[in-house]
Amino acid sequence: MTKGSYIPSPSAYAELLSVCPATCIDGALATPSTLAERIGSFWLPNEPVLYIGMAGTSIRTRVGQYYSTKLGARAPHAGGWWLKTLEGLDRLYVHFAPCDEVSTREQSIISAFATSIDPAHRRQLFDTERVAPFANVDVAKGLHKRHGLSNYKVPAQAVANQSATKPVEQTTTVPRTTDSSAAELRVQSQPVTDKDRTRSYLRIPAVSKHAFPDMAAQLKVVLGGVMIDAPWRPNGSRSGTLGVGVDYMRGLRERNERLQINVSNGIYTILRK
């Protein structure tokens, strides 16, 4: 499958543009054919590795998140979305190995991949400097390939507006399941310590980070029925942090309390026991 030219799925780009019609390439509105041409310019022939990534959780959870995230969606896991533009996606395999310091290992493997590329193939890439496997849109944390694409994800504000049409109380409904492929998720925070109560953020353990974006973002969070914009930082392999404000954290009086976080339609609702 990886030999020769990039072969896009006939329906993939039409699907993307149906939910993100403002998708642009170098500032001009994209079409299925121009998208295929631009993303295809990052294809590496005769290369069996199409994507390198860390799970930070179970492989089952991460793969479930990947399959349940549609083109154009921001969550539960939008990384490597170029893979979903391929014809024959069902013929790919997932290879994995356990390791520690997953963020560091991920970056070292991507770097090793880049140095192993045939120079002739590298010169044919649209971006010859920021090199990574085909579907790695980011070559390092915060460093994107120079692909020229924009507006290819549903705007965060649009997601919030869609959710805001429903009563806030609906976001606190206990999900039917904690399966990562479900539309709703339920996770927990780290135990809140005395030191945590002097800070402005809630710590999110690695086991719960699958419910959050892979990169820093502003999230819609419901605290006591009030929705706020809260900064999220994944922090690599360490606990992520969700900025809920020092006043909220000071109000948490139970020692080592774990807060439940319900995730539905891009809204994060924090519940007390």
C-alpha atoms as a PDB file:
ATOM      1  CA  MET A   1       0.000   0.000   0.000  1.00  0.00           C
ATOM      2  CA  THR A   2       2.817   2.441   0.760  1.00  0.00           C
ATOM      3  CA  LYS A   3       4.537   2.002  -2.584  1.00  0.00           C
ATOM      4  CA  GLY A   4       4.082   4.542  -5.356  1.00  0.00           C
ATOM      5  CA  SER A   5       1.813   7.565  -5.110  1.00  0.00           C
ATOM      6  CA  TYR A   6      -0.626   8.783  -2.523  1.00  0.00           C
ATOM      7  CA  ILE A   7      -4.106   7.319  -3.174  1.00  0.00           C
ATOM      8  CA  PRO A   8      -6.825   9.284  -1.358  1.00  0.00           C
ATOM      9  CA  SER A   9     -10.231   7.933  -0.451  1.00  0.00           C
ATOM     10  CA  PRO A  10     -12.844   9.245  -2.914  1.00  0.00           C
ATOM     11  CA  SER A  11     -15.142  10.319  -0.068  1.00  0.00           C
ATOM     12  CA  ALA A  12     -12.680  11.540   2.571  1.00  0.00           C
ATOM     13  CA  TYR A  13     -12.248  15.127   1.442  1.00  0.00           C
ATOM     14  CA  ALA A  14     -15.902  15.559   0.557  1.00  0.00           C
ATOM     15  CA  GLU A  15     -16.678  14.438   4.120  1.00  0.00           C
ATOM     16  CA  LEU A  16     -14.181  16.932   5.561  1.00  0.00           C
ATOM     17  CA  LEU A  17     -15.496  19.850   3.507  1.00  0.00           C
ATOM     18  CA  SER A  18     -19.087  19.039   4.422  1.00  0.00           C
ATOM     19  CA  VAL A  19     -18.328  19.814   8.088  1.00  0.00           C
ATOM     20  CA  CYS A  20     -15.523  22.346   7.534  1.00  0.00           C
ATOM     21  CA  PRO A  21     -16.509  24.238   4.356  1.00  0.00           C
ATOM     22  CA  ALA A  22     -14.114  27.100   5.190  1.00  0.00           C
ATOM     23  CA  THR A  23     -11.042  24.839   4.885  1.00  0.00           C
ATOM     24  CA  CYS A  24      -8.315  26.767   3.062  1.00  0.00           C
ATOM     25  CA  ILE A  25      -4.963  26.085   1.416  1.00  0.00           C
ATOM     26  CA  ASP A  26      -2.588  29.043   1.541  1.00  0.00           C
ATOM     27  CA  GLY A  27      -5.593  31.243   2.265  1.00  0.00           C
ATOM     28  CA  ALA A  28      -7.727  30.065  -0.683  1.00  0.00           C
ATOM     29  CA  LEU A  29     -10.820  27.919  -0.269  1.00  0.00           C
ATOM     30  CA  ALA A  30      -9.954  24.253  -0.737  1.00  0.00           C
ATOM     31  CA  THR A  31     -11.604  21.661  -2.947  1.00  0.00           C
ATOM     32  CA  PRO A  32     -11.304  17.869  -2.690  1.00  0.00           C
ATOM     33  CA  SER A  33      -8.777  17.851  -5.525  1.00  0.00           C
ATOM     34  CA  THR A  34      -6.582  20.652  -4.125  1.00  0.00           C
ATOM     35  CA  LEU A  35      -6.641  19.045  -0.686  1.00  0.00           C
ATOM     36  CA  ALA A  36      -5.586  15.704  -2.151  1.00  0.00           C
ATOM     37  CA  GLU A  37      -2.797  17.415  -4.070  1.00  0.00           C
ATOM     38  CA  ARG A  38      -1.438  19.300  -1.054  1.00  0.00           C
ATOM     39  CA  ILE A  39      -1.636  16.456   1.476  1.00  0.00           C
ATOM     40  CA  GLY A  40      -0.359  14.055  -1.171  1.00  0.00           C
ATOM     41  CA  SER A  41       2.756  16.225  -1.477  1.00  0.00           C
ATOM     42  CA  PHE A  42       3.806  14.918   1.954  1.00  0.00           C
ATOM     43  CA  TRP A  43       3.600  11.271   0.889  1.00  0.00           C
ATOM     44  CA  LEU A  44       6.796   9.227   1.190  1.00  0.00           C
ATOM     45  CA  PRO A  45       6.912   6.343  -1.327  1.00  0.00           C
ATOM     46  CA  ASN A  46       8.133   2.905  -0.240  1.00  0.00           C
ATOM     47  CA  GLU A  47       7.847   3.916   3.424  1.00  0.00           C
ATOM     48  CA  PRO A  48       5.964   1.415   5.626  1.00  0.00           C
ATOM     49  CA  VAL A  49       5.688   3.746   8.633  1.00  0.00           C
ATOM     50  CA  LEU A  50       2.803   6.168   8.185  1.00  0.00           C
ATOM     51  CA  TYR A  51       2.344   7.513  11.702  1.00  0.00           C
ATOM     52  CA  ILE A  52       4.235   7.496  15.009  1.00  0.00           C
ATOM     53  CA  GLY A  53       2.452   8.393  18.214  1.00  0.00           C
ATOM     54  CA  MET A  54       2.263   7.745  21.920  1.00  0.00           C
ATOM     55  CA  ALA A  55      -0.809   6.433  23.670  1.00  0.00           C
ATOM     56  CA  GLY A  56      -0.290   7.775  27.191  1.00  0.00           C
ATOM     57  CA  THR A  57      -3.055   5.319  28.082  1.00  0.00           C
ATOM     58  CA  SER A  58      -4.041   1.834  26.927  1.00  0.00           C
ATOM     59  CA  ILE A  59      -3.628   0.983  23.244  1.00  0.00           C
ATOM     60  CA  ARG A  60      -7.285  -0.049  23.156  1.00  0.00           C
ATOM     61  CA  THR A  61      -8.359   3.347  24.445  1.00  0.00           C
ATOM     62  CA  ARG A  62      -6.185   5.307  22.036  1.00  0.00           C
ATOM     63  CA  VAL A  63      -7.183   3.287  18.973  1.00  0.00           C
ATOM     64  CA  GLY A  64     -10.831   3.534  20.025  1.00  0.00           C
ATOM     65  CA  GLN A  65     -10.494   7.310  20.255  1.00  0.00           C
ATOM     66  CA  TYR A  66      -8.826   7.434  16.873  1.00  0.00           C
ATOM     67  CA  TYR A  67     -11.522   5.440  15.108  1.00  0.00           C
ATOM     68  CA  SER A  68     -14.361   7.415  16.721  1.00  0.00           C
ATOM     69  CA  THR A  69     -12.993  10.837  15.716  1.00  0.00           C
ATOM     70  CA  LYS A  70     -14.450  11.925  12.392  1.00  0.00           C
ATOM     71  CA  LEU A  71     -12.630  14.104   9.884  1.00  0.00           C
ATOM     72  CA  GLY A  72     -12.896  17.723  10.989  1.00  0.00           C
ATOM     73  CA  ALA A  73     -13.632  16.861  14.628  1.00  0.00           C
ATOM     74  CA  ARG A  74     -11.398  18.057  17.459  1.00  0.00           C
ATOM     75  CA  ALA A  75     -11.927  15.168  19.870  1.00  0.00           C
ATOM     76  CA  PRO A  76     -11.518  12.637  21.297  1.00  0.00           C
ATOM     77  CA  HIS A  77      -8.264  12.242  19.283  1.00  0.00           C
ATOM     78  CA  ALA A  78      -7.637  14.206  16.085  1.00  0.00           C
ATOM     79  CA  GLY A  79      -3.922  13.450  15.756  1.00  0.00           C
ATOM     80  CA  GLY A  80      -2.777  11.703  12.583  1.00  0.00           C
ATOM     81  CA  TRP A  81      -5.981  12.564  10.726  1.00  0.00           C
ATOM     82  CA  TRP A  82      -4.241  12.457   7.342  1.00  0.00           C
ATOM     83  CA  LEU A  83      -4.358   8.662   7.631  1.00  0.00           C
ATOM     84  CA  LYS A  84      -8.137   8.859   7.309  1.00  0.00           C
ATOM     85  CA  THR A  85      -7.811  10.375   3.854  1.00  0.00           C
ATOM     86  CA  LEU A  86      -6.248   7.152   2.521  1.00  0.00           C
ATOM     87  CA  GLU A  87      -7.891   4.592   0.322  1.00  0.00           C
ATOM     88  CA  GLY A  88      -7.482   1.163   1.956  1.00  0.00           C
ATOM     89  CA  LEU A  89      -7.259   2.357   5.551  1.00  0.00           C
ATOM     90  CA  ASP A  90      -8.549  -1.029   6.701  1.00  0.00           C
ATOM     91  CA  ARG A  91      -5.360  -2.670   5.451  1.00  0.00           C
ATOM     92  CA  LEU A  92      -3.095  -0.858   7.905  1.00  0.00           C
ATOM     93  CA  TYR A  93      -1.673  -2.362  11.097  1.00  0.00           C
ATOM     94  CA  VAL A  94      -0.927  -0.929  14.538  1.00  0.00           C
ATOM     95  CA  HIS A  95       2.433  -1.960  15.998  1.00  0.00           C
ATOM     96  CA  PHE A  96       3.216  -0.984  19.584  1.00  0.00           C
ATOM     97  CA  ALA A  97       5.725  -1.412  22.387  1.00  0.00           C
ATOM     98  CA  PRO A  98       5.567  -0.377  26.057  1.00  0.00           C
ATOM     99  CA  CYS A  99       8.053   2.218  27.290  1.00  0.00           C
ATOM    100  CA  ASP A 100       8.582   4.876  29.921  1.00  0.00           C
ATOM    101  CA  GLU A 101       8.946   8.628  29.284  1.00  0.00           C
ATOM    102  CA  VAL A 102       6.554   8.288  26.358  1.00  0.00           C
ATOM    103  CA  SER A 103       6.812  11.909  25.162  1.00  0.00           C
ATOM    104  CA  THR A 104      10.602  11.753  24.973  1.00  0.00           C
ATOM    105  CA  ARG A 105      10.550   8.373  23.259  1.00  0.00           C
ATOM    106  CA  GLU A 106       7.970   9.531  20.728  1.00  0.00           C
ATOM    107  CA  GLN A 107      10.097  12.523  19.743  1.00  0.00           C
ATOM    108  CA  SER A 108      13.307  10.496  19.482  1.00  0.00           C
ATOM    109  CA  ILE A 109      11.625   7.943  17.189  1.00  0.00           C
ATOM    110  CA  ILE A 110      10.202  10.667  14.942  1.00  0.00           C
ATOM    111  CA  SER A 111      13.643  12.282  14.750  1.00  0.00           C
ATOM    112  CA  ALA A 112      15.250   8.938  13.887  1.00  0.00           C
ATOM    113  CA  PHE A 113      12.644   8.444  11.173  1.00  0.00           C
ATOM    114  CA  ALA A 114      13.426  11.843   9.648  1.00  0.00           C
ATOM    115  CA  THR A 115      17.158  11.138   9.448  1.00  0.00           C
ATOM    116  CA  SER A 116      16.550   7.787   7.738  1.00  0.00           C
ATOM    117  CA  ILE A 117      14.561   9.188   4.793  1.00  0.00           C
ATOM    118  CA  ASP A 118      15.997   8.752   1.312  1.00  0.00           C
ATOM    119  CA  PRO A 119      17.394  12.215   0.360  1.00  0.00           C
ATOM    120  CA  ALA A 120      15.755  11.981  -3.056  1.00  0.00           C
ATOM    121  CA  HIS A 121      12.349  11.403  -1.490  1.00  0.00           C
ATOM    122  CA  ARG A 122      12.945  14.188   1.028  1.00  0.00           C
ATOM    123  CA  ARG A 123      13.610  16.688  -1.755  1.00  0.00           C
ATOM    124  CA  GLN A 124      10.206  15.890  -3.266  1.00  0.00           C
ATOM    125  CA  LEU A 125       8.283  16.782  -0.098  1.00  0.00           C
ATOM    126  CA  PHE A 126       6.328  20.037   0.055  1.00  0.00           C
ATOM    127  CA  ASP A 127       8.160  20.836   3.297  1.00  0.00           C
ATOM    128  CA  THR A 128      11.686  19.467   3.086  1.00  0.00           C
ATOM    129  CA  GLU A 129      12.757  20.705   6.531  1.00  0.00           C
ATOM    130  CA  ARG A 130      10.067  19.555   8.972  1.00  0.00           C
ATOM    131  CA  VAL A 131      10.034  15.858   8.168  1.00  0.00           C
ATOM    132  CA  ALA A 132       8.046  13.128   9.903  1.00  0.00           C
ATOM    133  CA  PRO A 133       5.923  10.130   8.863  1.00  0.00           C
ATOM    134  CA  PHE A 134       3.154  11.000   6.411  1.00  0.00           C
ATOM    135  CA  ALA A 135       0.320  11.344   8.957  1.00  0.00           C
ATOM    136  CA  ASN A 136       2.344  13.148  11.654  1.00  0.00           C
ATOM    137  CA  VAL A 137       1.060  16.668  11.062  1.00  0.00           C
ATOM    138  CA  ASP A 138       3.242  17.781  13.990  1.00  0.00           C
ATOM    139  CA  VAL A 139       6.925  16.945  13.860  1.00  0.00           C
ATOM    140  CA  ALA A 140       7.365  17.988  17.506  1.00  0.00           C
ATOM    141  CA  LYS A 141       5.254  19.534  20.246  1.00  0.00           C
ATOM    142  CA  GLY A 142       4.028  22.866  18.892  1.00  0.00           C
ATOM    143  CA  LEU A 143       5.924  22.472  15.589  1.00  0.00           C
ATOM    144  CA  HIS A 144       3.698  21.757  12.581  1.00  0.00           C
ATOM    145  CA  LYS A 145       4.619  20.737   9.083  1.00  0.00           C
ATOM    146  CA  ARG A 146       4.359  23.732   6.755  1.00  0.00           C
ATOM    147  CA  HIS A 147       1.278  22.414   4.980  1.00  0.00           C
ATOM    148  CA  GLY A 148      -0.575  25.682   4.422  1.00  0.00           C
ATOM    149  CA  LEU A 149      -3.905  24.247   5.616  1.00  0.00           C
ATOM    150  CA  SER A 150      -6.291  26.186   7.834  1.00  0.00           C
ATOM    151  CA  ASN A 151      -9.868  25.911   9.140  1.00  0.00           C
ATOM    152  CA  TYR A 152      -9.807  22.117   8.748  1.00  0.00           C
ATOM    153  CA  LYS A 153     -11.313  21.489  12.175  1.00  0.00           C
ATOM    154  CA  VAL A 154     -14.725  22.456  13.479  1.00  0.00           C
ATOM    155  CA  PRO A 155     -14.240  25.824  15.254  1.00  0.00           C
ATOM    156  CA  ALA A 156     -14.112  25.451  19.022  1.00  0.00           C
ATOM    157  CA  GLN A 157     -16.670  28.251  19.366  1.00  0.00           C
ATOM    158  CA  ALA A 158     -19.079  26.437  17.051  1.00  0.00           C
ATOM    159  CA  VAL A 159     -18.838  23.343  19.230  1.00  0.00           C
ATOM    160  CA  ALA A 160     -19.540  25.442  22.305  1.00  0.00           C
ATOM    161  CA  ASN A 161     -22.498  27.193  20.656  1.00  0.00           C
ATOM    162  CA  GLN A 162     -23.995  23.873  19.594  1.00  0.00           C
ATOM    163  CA  SER A 163     -23.714  22.541  23.126  1.00  0.00           C
ATOM    164  CA  ALA A 164     -25.076  25.774  24.603  1.00  0.00           C
ATOM    165  CA  THR A 165     -28.427  25.174  22.924  1.00  0.00           C
ATOM    166  CA  LYS A 166     -28.994  22.410  25.462  1.00  0.00           C
ATOM    167  CA  PRO A 167     -29.571  23.030  29.190  1.00  0.00           C
ATOM    168  CA  VAL A 168     -26.331  22.973  31.149  1.00  0.00           C
ATOM    169  CA  GLU A 169     -27.807  20.279  33.378  1.00  0.00           C
ATOM    170  CA  GLN A 170     -27.667  17.826  30.480  1.00  0.00           C
ATOM    171  CA  THR A 171     -23.883  17.908  30.556  1.00  0.00           C
ATOM    172  CA  THR A 172     -23.944  16.473  34.072  1.00  0.00           C
ATOM    173  CA  THR A 173     -25.805  13.330  33.052  1.00  0.00           C
ATOM    174  CA  VAL A 174     -23.904  10.192  34.010  1.00  0.00           C
ATOM    175  CA  PRO A 175     -22.673   8.646  30.736  1.00  0.00           C
ATOM    176  CA  ARG A 176     -24.069   5.301  29.678  1.00  0.00           C
ATOM    177  CA  THR A 177     -20.569   3.884  29.379  1.00  0.00           C
ATOM    178  CA  THR A 178     -16.936   4.782  29.887  1.00  0.00           C
ATOM    179  CA  ASP A 179     -15.918   3.135  26.586  1.00  0.00           C
ATOM    180  CA  SER A 180     -13.569   5.538  24.799  1.00  0.00           C
ATOM    181  CA  SER A 181     -15.498   5.168  21.562  1.00  0.00           C
ATOM    182  CA  ALA A 182     -18.682   6.547  23.167  1.00  0.00           C
ATOM    183  CA  ALA A 183     -19.829  10.146  22.659  1.00  0.00           C
ATOM    184  CA  GLU A 184     -19.655  10.746  26.429  1.00  0.00           C
ATOM    185  CA  LEU A 185     -16.803   9.997  28.806  1.00  0.00           C
ATOM    186  CA  ARG A 186     -16.395   9.985  32.585  1.00  0.00           C
ATOM    187  CA  VAL A 187     -12.965  10.401  34.160  1.00  0.00           C
ATOM    188  CA  GLN A 188     -11.508  11.578  37.484  1.00  0.00           C
ATOM    189  CA  SER A 189      -8.992  14.162  38.620  1.00  0.00           C
ATOM    190  CA  GLN A 190      -5.938  13.538  40.750  1.00  0.00           C
ATOM    191  CA  PRO A 191      -6.669  13.560  44.496  1.00  0.00           C
ATOM    192  CA  VAL A 192      -6.842  17.219  45.580  1.00  0.00           C
ATOM    193  CA  THR A 193      -4.107  17.877  48.149  1.00  0.00           C
ATOM    194  CA  ASP A 194      -3.666  20.804  50.535  1.00  0.00           C
ATOM    195  CA  LYS A 195      -1.070  22.220  48.140  1.00  0.00           C
ATOM    196  CA  ASP A 196      -3.483  21.881  45.205  1.00  0.00           C
ATOM    197  CA  ARG A 197      -5.990  24.107  47.010  1.00  0.00           C
ATOM    198  CA  THR A 198      -3.502  27.003  46.861  1.00  0.00           C
ATOM    199  CA  ARG A 199      -3.249  26.707  43.074  1.00  0.00           C
ATOM    200  CA  SER A 200      -5.545  27.733  40.246  1.00  0.00           C
ATOM    201  CA  TYR A 201      -5.584  24.428  38.406  1.00  0.00           C
ATOM    202  CA  LEU A 202      -6.894  20.903  38.812  1.00  0.00           C
ATOM    203  CA  ARG A 203      -4.466  18.063  38.094  1.00  0.00           C
ATOM    204  CA  ILE A 204      -5.573  15.409  35.592  1.00  0.00           C
ATOM    205  CA  PRO A 205      -3.811  11.998  35.825  1.00  0.00           C
ATOM    206  CA  ALA A 206      -2.415  10.185  32.800  1.00  0.00           C
ATOM    207  CA  VAL A 207      -5.184   7.576  32.997  1.00  0.00           C
ATOM    208  CA  SER A 208      -7.778  10.346  32.434  1.00  0.00           C
ATOM    209  CA  LYS A 209      -5.955  12.395  29.786  1.00  0.00           C
ATOM    210  CA  HIS A 210      -7.507  10.428  26.911  1.00  0.00           C
ATOM    211  CA  ALA A 211     -10.640  12.515  27.464  1.00  0.00           C
ATOM    212  CA  PHE A 212      -8.704  15.749  26.822  1.00  0.00           C
ATOM    213  CA  PRO A 213      -7.004  17.211  23.727  1.00  0.00           C
ATOM    214  CA  ASP A 214      -3.444  16.151  22.970  1.00  0.00           C
ATOM    215  CA  MET A 215      -2.312  19.766  22.773  1.00  0.00           C
ATOM    216  CA  ALA A 216      -2.831  22.902  24.879  1.00  0.00           C
ATOM    217  CA  ALA A 217      -6.287  24.390  24.386  1.00  0.00           C
ATOM    218  CA  GLN A 218      -9.062  26.504  25.875  1.00  0.00           C
ATOM    219  CA  LEU A 219     -11.866  24.189  27.011  1.00  0.00           C
ATOM    220  CA  LYS A 220     -15.498  24.828  27.907  1.00  0.00           C
ATOM    221  CA  VAL A 221     -15.841  23.736  31.547  1.00  0.00           C
ATOM    222  CA  VAL A 222     -18.964  23.740  33.729  1.00  0.00           C
ATOM    223  CA  LEU A 223     -18.373  24.489  37.419  1.00  0.00           C
ATOM    224  CA  GLY A 224     -21.445  24.490  39.643  1.00  0.00           C
ATOM    225  CA  GLY A 225     -23.728  25.116  36.675  1.00  0.00           C
ATOM    226  CA  VAL A 226     -21.622  27.996  35.309  1.00  0.00           C
ATOM    227  CA  MET A 227     -19.655  27.562  32.076  1.00  0.00           C
ATOM    228  CA  ILE A 228     -16.153  29.065  31.874  1.00  0.00           C
ATOM    229  CA  ASP A 229     -13.231  28.998  29.450  1.00  0.00           C
ATOM    230  CA  ALA A 230     -10.469  26.975  31.137  1.00  0.00           C
ATOM    231  CA  PRO A 231      -6.889  26.590  29.883  1.00  0.00           C
ATOM    232  CA  TRP A 232      -5.778  22.975  29.423  1.00  0.00           C
ATOM    233  CA  ARG A 233      -2.126  21.880  29.399  1.00  0.00           C
ATOM    234  CA  PRO A 234      -1.317  18.181  28.695  1.00  0.00           C
ATOM    235  CA  ASN A 235       2.269  18.424  30.090  1.00  0.00           C
ATOM    236  CA  GLY A 236       3.651  15.383  28.277  1.00  0.00           C
ATOM    237  CA  SER A 237       3.803  12.264  30.432  1.00  0.00           C
ATOM    238  CA  ARG A 238       3.094  14.221  33.641  1.00  0.00           C
ATOM    239  CA  SER A 239      -0.336  15.054  34.984  1.00  0.00           C
ATOM    240  CA  GLY A 240      -2.219  17.524  32.825  1.00  0.00           C
ATOM    241  CA  THR A 241      -3.567  20.724  34.342  1.00  0.00           C
ATOM    242  CA  LEU A 242      -7.002  22.294  33.899  1.00  0.00           C
ATOM    243  CA  GLY A 243      -7.230  25.939  34.962  1.00  0.00           C
ATOM    244  CA  VAL A 244     -10.425  26.238  37.000  1.00  0.00           C
ATOM    245  CA  GLY A 245      -9.369  29.215  39.130  1.00  0.00           C
ATOM    246  CA  VAL A 246      -7.976  29.595  42.611  1.00  0.00           C
ATOM    247  CA  ASP A 247     -11.389  30.438  44.132  1.00  0.00           C
ATOM    248  CA  TYR A 248     -12.803  27.087  42.991  1.00  0.00           C
ATOM    249  CA  MET A 249      -9.766  25.173  44.222  1.00  0.00           C
ATOM    250  CA  ARG A 250      -9.894  26.871  47.635  1.00  0.00           C
ATOM    251  CA  GLY A 251     -13.490  25.722  47.960  1.00  0.00           C
ATOM    252  CA  LEU A 252     -12.475  22.045  47.791  1.00  0.00           C
ATOM    253  CA  ARG A 253     -12.282  21.128  51.464  1.00  0.00           C
ATOM    254  CA  GLU A 254     -12.290  17.325  51.456  1.00  0.00           C
ATOM    255  CA  ARG A 255      -8.733  15.994  51.745  1.00  0.00           C
ATOM    256  CA  ASN A 256      -7.611  13.881  48.763  1.00  0.00           C
ATOM    257  CA  GLU A 257     -10.973  14.286  47.051  1.00  0.00           C
ATOM    258  CA  ARG A 258     -11.113  13.055  43.441  1.00  0.00           C
ATOM    259  CA  LEU A 259     -13.460  15.076  41.275  1.00  0.00           C
ATOM    260  CA  GLN A 260     -15.545  13.401  38.597  1.00  0.00           C
ATOM    261  CA  ILE A 261     -15.376  14.967  35.138  1.00  0.00           C
ATOM    262  CA  ASN A 262     -18.090  14.223  32.601  1.00  0.00           C
ATOM    263  CA  VAL A 263     -17.238  14.954  28.969  1.00  0.00           C
ATOM    264  CA  SER A 264     -20.033  15.390  26.447  1.00  0.00           C
ATOM    265  CA  ASN A 265     -20.096  17.258  23.112  1.00  0.00           C
ATOM    266  CA  GLY A 266     -16.860  19.067  23.934  1.00  0.00           C
ATOM    267  CA  ILE A 267     -18.113  20.285  27.331  1.00  0.00           C
ATOM    268  CA  TYR A 268     -16.265  19.271  30.530  1.00  0.00           C
ATOM    269  CA  THR A 269     -18.533  19.184  33.589  1.00  0.00           C
ATOM    270  CA  ILE A 270     -16.813  18.868  36.975  1.00  0.00           C
ATOM    271  CA  LEU A 271     -18.843  17.203  39.702  1.00  0.00           C
ATOM    272  CA  ARG A 272     -18.318  16.903  43.434  1.00  0.00           C
ATOM    273  CA  LYS A 273     -19.087  13.727  45.343  1.00  0.00           C
END
